[in-house]
Amino acid sequence: MILSGLEVVTRQLVRNLRGAIQQQPWGIDLTLRQISKWTSAATIDFDNTKRQAARTSILPFDNTSHAITLPPGAYLADFNETVHVPRDYMGSIFARSSLWRSGVGITAGVVDAGYEGALGALMEVKNSHGVVLYRDAKLAQIVFEELSEEVEGYNGIYQASTSSVGRDGTGLSSIIAPGIRSEYVKVLNPLWIFVVINGAVSAVQKLDVGLKEAHFKLTSDKIIRSLEIPPSTFSPHSIVSSRASTVFYRRRLALVRQQSAHLPFINNRDSNTL
């Protein structure tokens, strides 16, 4: 069964709608938030241990017209809307007919059952003359289909993501900069979680999650609670990295010990062997 647009809106499966005209009889129109281009190569493997996300750069809209002119090529389109997909539904994204009639294509994967977060798609401008897009332009449509049964649901590194930018196997966004309010990191046993604020390591936590994978939503508030560090220690913008073996983190060890020495999971043996 395919959900009607009214049912999708009523159940709030799609959020951040710009207006009622986005509701269609069989789904919801998706609107343009931003366009990015790729600035580096990506690496993709079987189990994500070697995965490296391609870096991206946001292309600005014109300040006056709020439009952007795109020459032929491939782009990453982020939509304004976010989704909360029940575990007994899946979503599919299709290009609007006005887009492909203009020589522009949209390609996106299945929106997994249980996924919550941002939406994006690969956009290919095949029209040799290019295309002009305005901010909030309607580009695609999302349709929800019911599954035969409820499933475990998506719990990967893109859960609760705020953009469709690719991430490394560690769960890190390909863009690391102040202003990112939350990230997901994939945790395997054992590893160290470093809280990075404005490019500097500020605290460390050793997590033992057994052999089972775990995913932690790491916002500034939750980091403060989990590490039991006074809120004044943190800025509101924080990122997490799990690459404990890098030279960078080894060199920051003194700072880590100084700012987290009172925590129960830090001891001299662990610190000296990092």
C-alpha atoms as a PDB file:
ATOM      1  CA  MET A   1       0.000   0.000   0.000  1.00  0.00           C
ATOM      2  CA  ILE A   2       1.219   3.499  -0.876  1.00  0.00           C
ATOM      3  CA  LEU A   3       0.403   6.241   1.621  1.00  0.00           C
ATOM      4  CA  SER A   4      -1.543   9.241   0.365  1.00  0.00           C
ATOM      5  CA  GLY A   5       0.027  12.665   0.671  1.00  0.00           C
ATOM      6  CA  LEU A   6      -2.572  13.575   3.286  1.00  0.00           C
ATOM      7  CA  GLU A   7      -1.628  10.543   5.391  1.00  0.00           C
ATOM      8  CA  VAL A   8       2.077  11.390   5.092  1.00  0.00           C
ATOM      9  CA  VAL A   9       1.433  14.917   6.345  1.00  0.00           C
ATOM     10  CA  THR A  10      -0.959  13.795   9.089  1.00  0.00           C
ATOM     11  CA  ARG A  11       1.560  11.280  10.432  1.00  0.00           C
ATOM     12  CA  GLN A  12       4.417  13.803  10.061  1.00  0.00           C
ATOM     13  CA  LEU A  13       6.583  11.405   8.082  1.00  0.00           C
ATOM     14  CA  VAL A  14       7.919  14.406   6.163  1.00  0.00           C
ATOM     15  CA  ARG A  15       8.730  17.579   8.076  1.00  0.00           C
ATOM     16  CA  ASN A  16       9.924  21.131   7.344  1.00  0.00           C
ATOM     17  CA  LEU A  17       7.389  21.577   4.555  1.00  0.00           C
ATOM     18  CA  ARG A  18       7.388  25.012   2.887  1.00  0.00           C
ATOM     19  CA  GLY A  19       3.673  25.017   2.048  1.00  0.00           C
ATOM     20  CA  ALA A  20       0.488  23.043   1.449  1.00  0.00           C
ATOM     21  CA  ILE A  21       1.155  22.877  -2.304  1.00  0.00           C
ATOM     22  CA  GLN A  22       3.850  20.262  -1.596  1.00  0.00           C
ATOM     23  CA  GLN A  23       1.174  17.719  -0.670  1.00  0.00           C
ATOM     24  CA  GLN A  24       0.299  15.504  -3.622  1.00  0.00           C
ATOM     25  CA  PRO A  25      -2.351  12.750  -3.799  1.00  0.00           C
ATOM     26  CA  TRP A  26       0.309  10.012  -3.519  1.00  0.00           C
ATOM     27  CA  GLY A  27       3.280  11.718  -1.842  1.00  0.00           C
ATOM     28  CA  ILE A  28       5.161  14.915  -1.041  1.00  0.00           C
ATOM     29  CA  ASP A  29       7.193  17.307  -3.191  1.00  0.00           C
ATOM     30  CA  LEU A  30      10.790  17.886  -2.048  1.00  0.00           C
ATOM     31  CA  THR A  31      12.332  21.350  -2.351  1.00  0.00           C
ATOM     32  CA  LEU A  32      15.880  22.580  -2.875  1.00  0.00           C
ATOM     33  CA  ARG A  33      17.880  23.705   0.150  1.00  0.00           C
ATOM     34  CA  GLN A  34      21.406  23.749  -1.265  1.00  0.00           C
ATOM     35  CA  ILE A  35      23.601  22.503  -4.084  1.00  0.00           C
ATOM     36  CA  SER A  36      27.132  21.151  -3.582  1.00  0.00           C
ATOM     37  CA  LYS A  37      29.876  19.936  -5.877  1.00  0.00           C
ATOM     38  CA  TRP A  38      32.527  17.322  -5.176  1.00  0.00           C
ATOM     39  CA  THR A  39      36.126  18.441  -4.689  1.00  0.00           C
ATOM     40  CA  SER A  40      37.899  15.106  -4.091  1.00  0.00           C
ATOM     41  CA  ALA A  41      37.654  11.409  -4.854  1.00  0.00           C
ATOM     42  CA  ALA A  42      35.855   8.921  -2.613  1.00  0.00           C
ATOM     43  CA  THR A  43      36.800   5.400  -1.483  1.00  0.00           C
ATOM     44  CA  ILE A  44      34.141   2.692  -1.061  1.00  0.00           C
ATOM     45  CA  ASP A  45      34.737  -0.843   0.246  1.00  0.00           C
ATOM     46  CA  PHE A  46      32.721  -3.809   1.548  1.00  0.00           C
ATOM     47  CA  ASP A  47      32.513  -3.178   5.309  1.00  0.00           C
ATOM     48  CA  ASN A  48      33.161   0.597   5.447  1.00  0.00           C
ATOM     49  CA  THR A  49      36.485   0.202   7.277  1.00  0.00           C
ATOM     50  CA  LYS A  50      38.305   1.896   4.401  1.00  0.00           C
ATOM     51  CA  ARG A  51      35.512   4.160   3.276  1.00  0.00           C
ATOM     52  CA  GLN A  52      36.521   7.759   2.702  1.00  0.00           C
ATOM     53  CA  ALA A  53      33.874  10.309   1.813  1.00  0.00           C
ATOM     54  CA  ALA A  54      34.367  12.683  -1.080  1.00  0.00           C
ATOM     55  CA  ARG A  55      34.755  16.259   0.094  1.00  0.00           C
ATOM     56  CA  THR A  56      32.160  18.748  -1.041  1.00  0.00           C
ATOM     57  CA  SER A  57      31.830  22.485  -1.473  1.00  0.00           C
ATOM     58  CA  ILE A  58      28.509  24.334  -1.278  1.00  0.00           C
ATOM     59  CA  LEU A  59      27.627  26.447  -4.316  1.00  0.00           C
ATOM     60  CA  PRO A  60      26.047  29.747  -3.250  1.00  0.00           C
ATOM     61  CA  PHE A  61      22.781  31.161  -4.528  1.00  0.00           C
ATOM     62  CA  ASP A  62      22.829  34.668  -5.982  1.00  0.00           C
ATOM     63  CA  ASN A  63      22.188  37.129  -3.145  1.00  0.00           C
ATOM     64  CA  THR A  64      19.724  39.158  -5.199  1.00  0.00           C
ATOM     65  CA  SER A  65      17.805  36.631  -7.273  1.00  0.00           C
ATOM     66  CA  HIS A  66      18.229  33.668  -4.882  1.00  0.00           C
ATOM     67  CA  ALA A  67      18.914  31.520  -7.941  1.00  0.00           C
ATOM     68  CA  ILE A  68      21.878  29.478  -9.121  1.00  0.00           C
ATOM     69  CA  THR A  69      22.938  28.674 -12.683  1.00  0.00           C
ATOM     70  CA  LEU A  70      24.368  25.186 -13.101  1.00  0.00           C
ATOM     71  CA  PRO A  71      26.326  24.099 -16.188  1.00  0.00           C
ATOM     72  CA  PRO A  72      26.174  20.464 -17.317  1.00  0.00           C
ATOM     73  CA  GLY A  73      27.584  18.105 -14.702  1.00  0.00           C
ATOM     74  CA  ALA A  74      26.840  16.164 -11.530  1.00  0.00           C
ATOM     75  CA  TYR A  75      25.835  17.815  -8.259  1.00  0.00           C
ATOM     76  CA  LEU A  76      24.701  16.899  -4.749  1.00  0.00           C
ATOM     77  CA  ALA A  77      21.260  18.321  -3.984  1.00  0.00           C
ATOM     78  CA  ASP A  78      20.082  18.698  -0.389  1.00  0.00           C
ATOM     79  CA  PHE A  79      16.373  19.098   0.290  1.00  0.00           C
ATOM     80  CA  ASN A  80      14.713  21.281   2.915  1.00  0.00           C
ATOM     81  CA  GLU A  81      12.540  18.432   4.125  1.00  0.00           C
ATOM     82  CA  THR A  82      13.465  15.767   6.663  1.00  0.00           C
ATOM     83  CA  VAL A  83      11.810  12.392   7.205  1.00  0.00           C
ATOM     84  CA  HIS A  84      10.803  10.100  10.062  1.00  0.00           C
ATOM     85  CA  VAL A  85      10.169   6.742   8.399  1.00  0.00           C
ATOM     86  CA  PRO A  86       8.262   4.125  10.440  1.00  0.00           C
ATOM     87  CA  ARG A  87       9.833   0.678  10.664  1.00  0.00           C
ATOM     88  CA  ASP A  88       7.059  -0.821   8.561  1.00  0.00           C
ATOM     89  CA  TYR A  89       7.468   1.615   5.655  1.00  0.00           C
ATOM     90  CA  MET A  90      10.122   2.571   3.113  1.00  0.00           C
ATOM     91  CA  GLY A  91      10.448   5.638   0.929  1.00  0.00           C
ATOM     92  CA  SER A  92      11.373   6.180  -2.716  1.00  0.00           C
ATOM     93  CA  ILE A  93      12.474   9.464  -4.317  1.00  0.00           C
ATOM     94  CA  PHE A  94      11.647  10.342  -7.924  1.00  0.00           C
ATOM     95  CA  ALA A  95      12.445  13.348 -10.103  1.00  0.00           C
ATOM     96  CA  ARG A  96       9.544  15.678 -10.861  1.00  0.00           C
ATOM     97  CA  SER A  97       8.544  15.634 -14.509  1.00  0.00           C
ATOM     98  CA  SER A  98       9.339  19.337 -14.852  1.00  0.00           C
ATOM     99  CA  LEU A  99      12.942  18.500 -14.001  1.00  0.00           C
ATOM    100  CA  TRP A 100      13.575  15.683 -16.459  1.00  0.00           C
ATOM    101  CA  ARG A 101      11.697  17.606 -19.155  1.00  0.00           C
ATOM    102  CA  SER A 102      14.376  20.270 -18.656  1.00  0.00           C
ATOM    103  CA  GLY A 103      17.215  17.801 -19.145  1.00  0.00           C
ATOM    104  CA  VAL A 104      17.965  17.297 -15.454  1.00  0.00           C
ATOM    105  CA  GLY A 105      17.877  13.974 -13.616  1.00  0.00           C
ATOM    106  CA  ILE A 106      17.554  13.009  -9.950  1.00  0.00           C
ATOM    107  CA  THR A 107      18.907   9.725  -8.572  1.00  0.00           C
ATOM    108  CA  ALA A 108      18.490   8.615  -4.956  1.00  0.00           C
ATOM    109  CA  GLY A 109      18.555   5.340  -3.061  1.00  0.00           C
ATOM    110  CA  VAL A 110      15.777   3.805  -1.020  1.00  0.00           C
ATOM    111  CA  VAL A 111      14.856   5.733   2.124  1.00  0.00           C
ATOM    112  CA  ASP A 112      15.199   2.964   4.692  1.00  0.00           C
ATOM    113  CA  ALA A 113      12.598   1.913   7.213  1.00  0.00           C
ATOM    114  CA  GLY A 114      13.433   3.512  10.564  1.00  0.00           C
ATOM    115  CA  TYR A 115      15.527   6.309   9.058  1.00  0.00           C
ATOM    116  CA  GLU A 116      15.216   9.808  10.486  1.00  0.00           C
ATOM    117  CA  GLY A 117      17.051  12.793   9.096  1.00  0.00           C
ATOM    118  CA  ALA A 118      17.947  14.791   6.021  1.00  0.00           C
ATOM    119  CA  LEU A 119      17.267  13.901   2.406  1.00  0.00           C
ATOM    120  CA  GLY A 120      19.416  14.447  -0.650  1.00  0.00           C
ATOM    121  CA  ALA A 121      20.020  13.129  -4.132  1.00  0.00           C
ATOM    122  CA  LEU A 122      22.467  13.032  -7.017  1.00  0.00           C
ATOM    123  CA  MET A 123      21.416  15.640  -9.568  1.00  0.00           C
ATOM    124  CA  GLU A 124      22.730  15.400 -13.127  1.00  0.00           C
ATOM    125  CA  VAL A 125      22.385  18.354 -15.480  1.00  0.00           C
ATOM    126  CA  LYS A 126      22.407  16.825 -18.960  1.00  0.00           C
ATOM    127  CA  ASN A 127      21.004  19.834 -20.787  1.00  0.00           C
ATOM    128  CA  SER A 128      23.970  21.262 -22.699  1.00  0.00           C
ATOM    129  CA  HIS A 129      22.715  24.777 -21.912  1.00  0.00           C
ATOM    130  CA  GLY A 130      22.537  24.122 -18.168  1.00  0.00           C
ATOM    131  CA  VAL A 131      19.692  24.952 -15.792  1.00  0.00           C
ATOM    132  CA  VAL A 132      18.699  27.800 -13.469  1.00  0.00           C
ATOM    133  CA  LEU A 133      17.328  26.740 -10.082  1.00  0.00           C
ATOM    134  CA  TYR A 134      15.793  28.937  -7.412  1.00  0.00           C
ATOM    135  CA  ARG A 135      16.068  28.256  -3.714  1.00  0.00           C
ATOM    136  CA  ASP A 136      13.102  26.116  -2.580  1.00  0.00           C
ATOM    137  CA  ALA A 137      12.457  24.923  -6.146  1.00  0.00           C
ATOM    138  CA  LYS A 138      10.417  21.709  -6.263  1.00  0.00           C
ATOM    139  CA  LEU A 139      12.796  19.065  -7.605  1.00  0.00           C
ATOM    140  CA  ALA A 140      11.627  15.639  -6.497  1.00  0.00           C
ATOM    141  CA  GLN A 141       8.806  13.649  -4.955  1.00  0.00           C
ATOM    142  CA  ILE A 142       8.909  11.123  -2.120  1.00  0.00           C
ATOM    143  CA  VAL A 143       6.499   8.186  -1.932  1.00  0.00           C
ATOM    144  CA  PHE A 144       6.044   5.851   1.061  1.00  0.00           C
ATOM    145  CA  GLU A 145       5.180   2.167   0.663  1.00  0.00           C
ATOM    146  CA  GLU A 146       4.103  -0.203   3.427  1.00  0.00           C
ATOM    147  CA  LEU A 147       6.213  -3.299   4.139  1.00  0.00           C
ATOM    148  CA  SER A 148       4.711  -6.711   4.843  1.00  0.00           C
ATOM    149  CA  GLU A 149       6.012  -6.524   8.421  1.00  0.00           C
ATOM    150  CA  GLU A 150       7.862  -4.234  10.789  1.00  0.00           C
ATOM    151  CA  VAL A 151      11.653  -4.537  10.477  1.00  0.00           C
ATOM    152  CA  GLU A 152      14.567  -3.677  12.753  1.00  0.00           C
ATOM    153  CA  GLY A 153      15.071  -0.390  10.961  1.00  0.00           C
ATOM    154  CA  TYR A 154      18.039   1.647   9.824  1.00  0.00           C
ATOM    155  CA  ASN A 155      20.739   2.352  12.442  1.00  0.00           C
ATOM    156  CA  GLY A 156      23.708   3.388  10.308  1.00  0.00           C
ATOM    157  CA  ILE A 157      25.987   6.401  10.438  1.00  0.00           C
ATOM    158  CA  TYR A 158      23.580   8.616   8.512  1.00  0.00           C
ATOM    159  CA  GLN A 159      20.851   8.312  11.140  1.00  0.00           C
ATOM    160  CA  ALA A 160      19.677  11.816  12.189  1.00  0.00           C
ATOM    161  CA  SER A 161      22.065  13.419   9.709  1.00  0.00           C
ATOM    162  CA  THR A 162      21.560  17.093   8.932  1.00  0.00           C
ATOM    163  CA  SER A 163      22.796  16.886   5.332  1.00  0.00           C
ATOM    164  CA  SER A 164      23.409  14.327   2.610  1.00  0.00           C
ATOM    165  CA  VAL A 165      27.173  14.928   2.557  1.00  0.00           C
ATOM    166  CA  GLY A 166      29.070  11.624   2.586  1.00  0.00           C
ATOM    167  CA  ARG A 167      30.820  10.324   5.697  1.00  0.00           C
ATOM    168  CA  ASP A 168      33.906   8.265   6.348  1.00  0.00           C
ATOM    169  CA  GLY A 169      33.703   4.775   7.828  1.00  0.00           C
ATOM    170  CA  THR A 170      34.139   6.382  11.265  1.00  0.00           C
ATOM    171  CA  GLY A 171      30.892   8.279  10.846  1.00  0.00           C
ATOM    172  CA  LEU A 172      32.529  11.662  10.389  1.00  0.00           C
ATOM    173  CA  SER A 173      31.203  14.140   7.888  1.00  0.00           C
ATOM    174  CA  SER A 174      33.583  15.024   5.087  1.00  0.00           C
ATOM    175  CA  ILE A 175      33.392  18.638   6.246  1.00  0.00           C
ATOM    176  CA  ILE A 176      34.748  19.228   9.769  1.00  0.00           C
ATOM    177  CA  ALA A 177      34.133  22.761  10.933  1.00  0.00           C
ATOM    178  CA  PRO A 178      32.600  24.722  13.819  1.00  0.00           C
ATOM    179  CA  GLY A 179      28.856  24.985  13.518  1.00  0.00           C
ATOM    180  CA  ILE A 180      27.984  21.300  13.215  1.00  0.00           C
ATOM    181  CA  ARG A 181      25.654  20.692  16.144  1.00  0.00           C
ATOM    182  CA  SER A 182      25.386  16.925  16.077  1.00  0.00           C
ATOM    183  CA  GLU A 183      26.907  13.874  14.452  1.00  0.00           C
ATOM    184  CA  TYR A 184      26.577  10.112  14.620  1.00  0.00           C
ATOM    185  CA  VAL A 185      29.615   7.931  15.128  1.00  0.00           C
ATOM    186  CA  LYS A 186      29.800   4.175  14.630  1.00  0.00           C
ATOM    187  CA  VAL A 187      31.308   2.515  17.685  1.00  0.00           C
ATOM    188  CA  LEU A 188      33.157  -0.797  17.606  1.00  0.00           C
ATOM    189  CA  ASN A 189      34.777  -2.530  20.568  1.00  0.00           C
ATOM    190  CA  PRO A 190      37.060  -1.215  21.854  1.00  0.00           C
ATOM    191  CA  LEU A 191      37.847   2.358  20.888  1.00  0.00           C
ATOM    192  CA  TRP A 192      38.225   5.822  22.240  1.00  0.00           C
ATOM    193  CA  ILE A 193      35.841   8.677  21.567  1.00  0.00           C
ATOM    194  CA  PHE A 194      37.388  12.126  21.412  1.00  0.00           C
ATOM    195  CA  VAL A 195      35.289  15.250  21.717  1.00  0.00           C
ATOM    196  CA  VAL A 196      36.660  17.857  19.329  1.00  0.00           C
ATOM    197  CA  ILE A 197      35.674  21.484  19.753  1.00  0.00           C
ATOM    198  CA  ASN A 198      36.829  24.015  17.192  1.00  0.00           C
ATOM    199  CA  GLY A 199      39.586  21.678  16.080  1.00  0.00           C
ATOM    200  CA  ALA A 200      40.985  20.853  19.540  1.00  0.00           C
ATOM    201  CA  VAL A 201      40.558  17.676  21.556  1.00  0.00           C
ATOM    202  CA  SER A 202      38.778  18.497  24.800  1.00  0.00           C
ATOM    203  CA  ALA A 203      37.822  15.173  26.375  1.00  0.00           C
ATOM    204  CA  VAL A 204      38.049  11.448  25.832  1.00  0.00           C
ATOM    205  CA  GLN A 205      35.867   8.493  26.697  1.00  0.00           C
ATOM    206  CA  LYS A 206      36.729   4.815  26.412  1.00  0.00           C
ATOM    207  CA  LEU A 207      33.696   2.750  25.475  1.00  0.00           C
ATOM    208  CA  ASP A 208      33.367  -0.992  25.819  1.00  0.00           C
ATOM    209  CA  VAL A 209      30.344  -2.100  23.842  1.00  0.00           C
ATOM    210  CA  GLY A 210      31.247  -5.756  23.472  1.00  0.00           C
ATOM    211  CA  LEU A 211      31.109  -7.297  20.040  1.00  0.00           C
ATOM    212  CA  LYS A 212      27.874  -5.585  19.104  1.00  0.00           C
ATOM    213  CA  GLU A 213      27.931  -2.410  17.085  1.00  0.00           C
ATOM    214  CA  ALA A 214      26.374   0.612  18.723  1.00  0.00           C
ATOM    215  CA  HIS A 215      25.401   4.005  17.424  1.00  0.00           C
ATOM    216  CA  PHE A 216      25.398   7.071  19.603  1.00  0.00           C
ATOM    217  CA  LYS A 217      23.752  10.354  18.760  1.00  0.00           C
ATOM    218  CA  LEU A 218      26.330  12.841  19.975  1.00  0.00           C
ATOM    219  CA  THR A 219      24.947  16.287  20.620  1.00  0.00           C
ATOM    220  CA  SER A 220      26.645  18.754  22.939  1.00  0.00           C
ATOM    221  CA  ASP A 221      24.094  18.103  25.709  1.00  0.00           C
ATOM    222  CA  LYS A 222      24.486  14.328  25.562  1.00  0.00           C
ATOM    223  CA  ILE A 223      28.275  14.559  25.498  1.00  0.00           C
ATOM    224  CA  ILE A 224      28.158  16.659  28.652  1.00  0.00           C
ATOM    225  CA  ARG A 225      25.930  14.112  30.397  1.00  0.00           C
ATOM    226  CA  SER A 226      27.845  11.048  29.286  1.00  0.00           C
ATOM    227  CA  LEU A 227      31.218  12.459  30.305  1.00  0.00           C
ATOM    228  CA  GLU A 228      29.907  14.166  33.462  1.00  0.00           C
ATOM    229  CA  ILE A 229      31.828  17.327  32.634  1.00  0.00           C
ATOM    230  CA  PRO A 230      30.418  20.752  33.587  1.00  0.00           C
ATOM    231  CA  PRO A 231      28.630  22.413  30.649  1.00  0.00           C
ATOM    232  CA  SER A 232      30.984  25.389  30.878  1.00  0.00           C
ATOM    233  CA  THR A 233      33.733  23.111  29.533  1.00  0.00           C
ATOM    234  CA  PHE A 234      32.025  22.907  26.142  1.00  0.00           C
ATOM    235  CA  SER A 235      30.961  25.220  23.376  1.00  0.00           C
ATOM    236  CA  PRO A 236      27.634  24.385  21.668  1.00  0.00           C
ATOM    237  CA  HIS A 237      29.437  23.212  18.548  1.00  0.00           C
ATOM    238  CA  SER A 238      31.107  19.840  18.849  1.00  0.00           C
ATOM    239  CA  ILE A 239      32.228  17.012  16.631  1.00  0.00           C
ATOM    240  CA  VAL A 240      33.346  13.523  17.512  1.00  0.00           C
ATOM    241  CA  SER A 241      36.146  11.456  16.024  1.00  0.00           C
ATOM    242  CA  SER A 242      36.983   7.822  16.711  1.00  0.00           C
ATOM    243  CA  ARG A 243      40.453   7.748  15.119  1.00  0.00           C
ATOM    244  CA  ALA A 244      42.402   7.168  18.305  1.00  0.00           C
ATOM    245  CA  SER A 245      45.479   5.841  16.531  1.00  0.00           C
ATOM    246  CA  THR A 246      46.417   8.974  14.633  1.00  0.00           C
ATOM    247  CA  VAL A 247      49.464  11.055  15.433  1.00  0.00           C
ATOM    248  CA  PHE A 248      47.252  14.095  15.905  1.00  0.00           C
ATOM    249  CA  TYR A 249      45.457  12.586  18.871  1.00  0.00           C
ATOM    250  CA  ARG A 250      48.656  11.227  20.355  1.00  0.00           C
ATOM    251  CA  ARG A 251      50.075  14.728  20.374  1.00  0.00           C
ATOM    252  CA  ARG A 252      46.927  16.011  22.048  1.00  0.00           C
ATOM    253  CA  LEU A 253      47.143  13.439  24.822  1.00  0.00           C
ATOM    254  CA  ALA A 254      48.448  15.924  27.376  1.00  0.00           C
ATOM    255  CA  LEU A 255      45.425  18.116  26.812  1.00  0.00           C
ATOM    256  CA  VAL A 256      43.114  15.137  27.113  1.00  0.00           C
ATOM    257  CA  ARG A 257      44.633  14.049  30.421  1.00  0.00           C
ATOM    258  CA  GLN A 258      44.506  17.563  31.826  1.00  0.00           C
ATOM    259  CA  GLN A 259      40.845  18.178  31.023  1.00  0.00           C
ATOM    260  CA  SER A 260      39.495  14.707  31.787  1.00  0.00           C
ATOM    261  CA  ALA A 261      41.740  13.426  34.582  1.00  0.00           C
ATOM    262  CA  HIS A 262      38.840  13.305  37.046  1.00  0.00           C
ATOM    263  CA  LEU A 263      36.789  10.966  34.885  1.00  0.00           C
ATOM    264  CA  PRO A 264      36.572   7.335  36.102  1.00  0.00           C
ATOM    265  CA  PHE A 265      37.388   5.810  32.719  1.00  0.00           C
ATOM    266  CA  ILE A 266      40.754   7.588  32.394  1.00  0.00           C
ATOM    267  CA  ASN A 267      43.820   6.086  34.067  1.00  0.00           C
ATOM    268  CA  ASN A 268      47.566   6.301  33.642  1.00  0.00           C
ATOM    269  CA  ARG A 269      47.891   2.922  31.999  1.00  0.00           C
ATOM    270  CA  ASP A 270      45.346   3.745  29.307  1.00  0.00           C
ATOM    271  CA  SER A 271      46.773   7.201  28.706  1.00  0.00           C
ATOM    272  CA  ASN A 272      50.373   6.039  28.449  1.00  0.00           C
ATOM    273  CA  THR A 273      49.562   3.344  25.935  1.00  0.00           C
ATOM    274  CA  LEU A 274      47.456   5.503  23.629  1.00  0.00           C
END
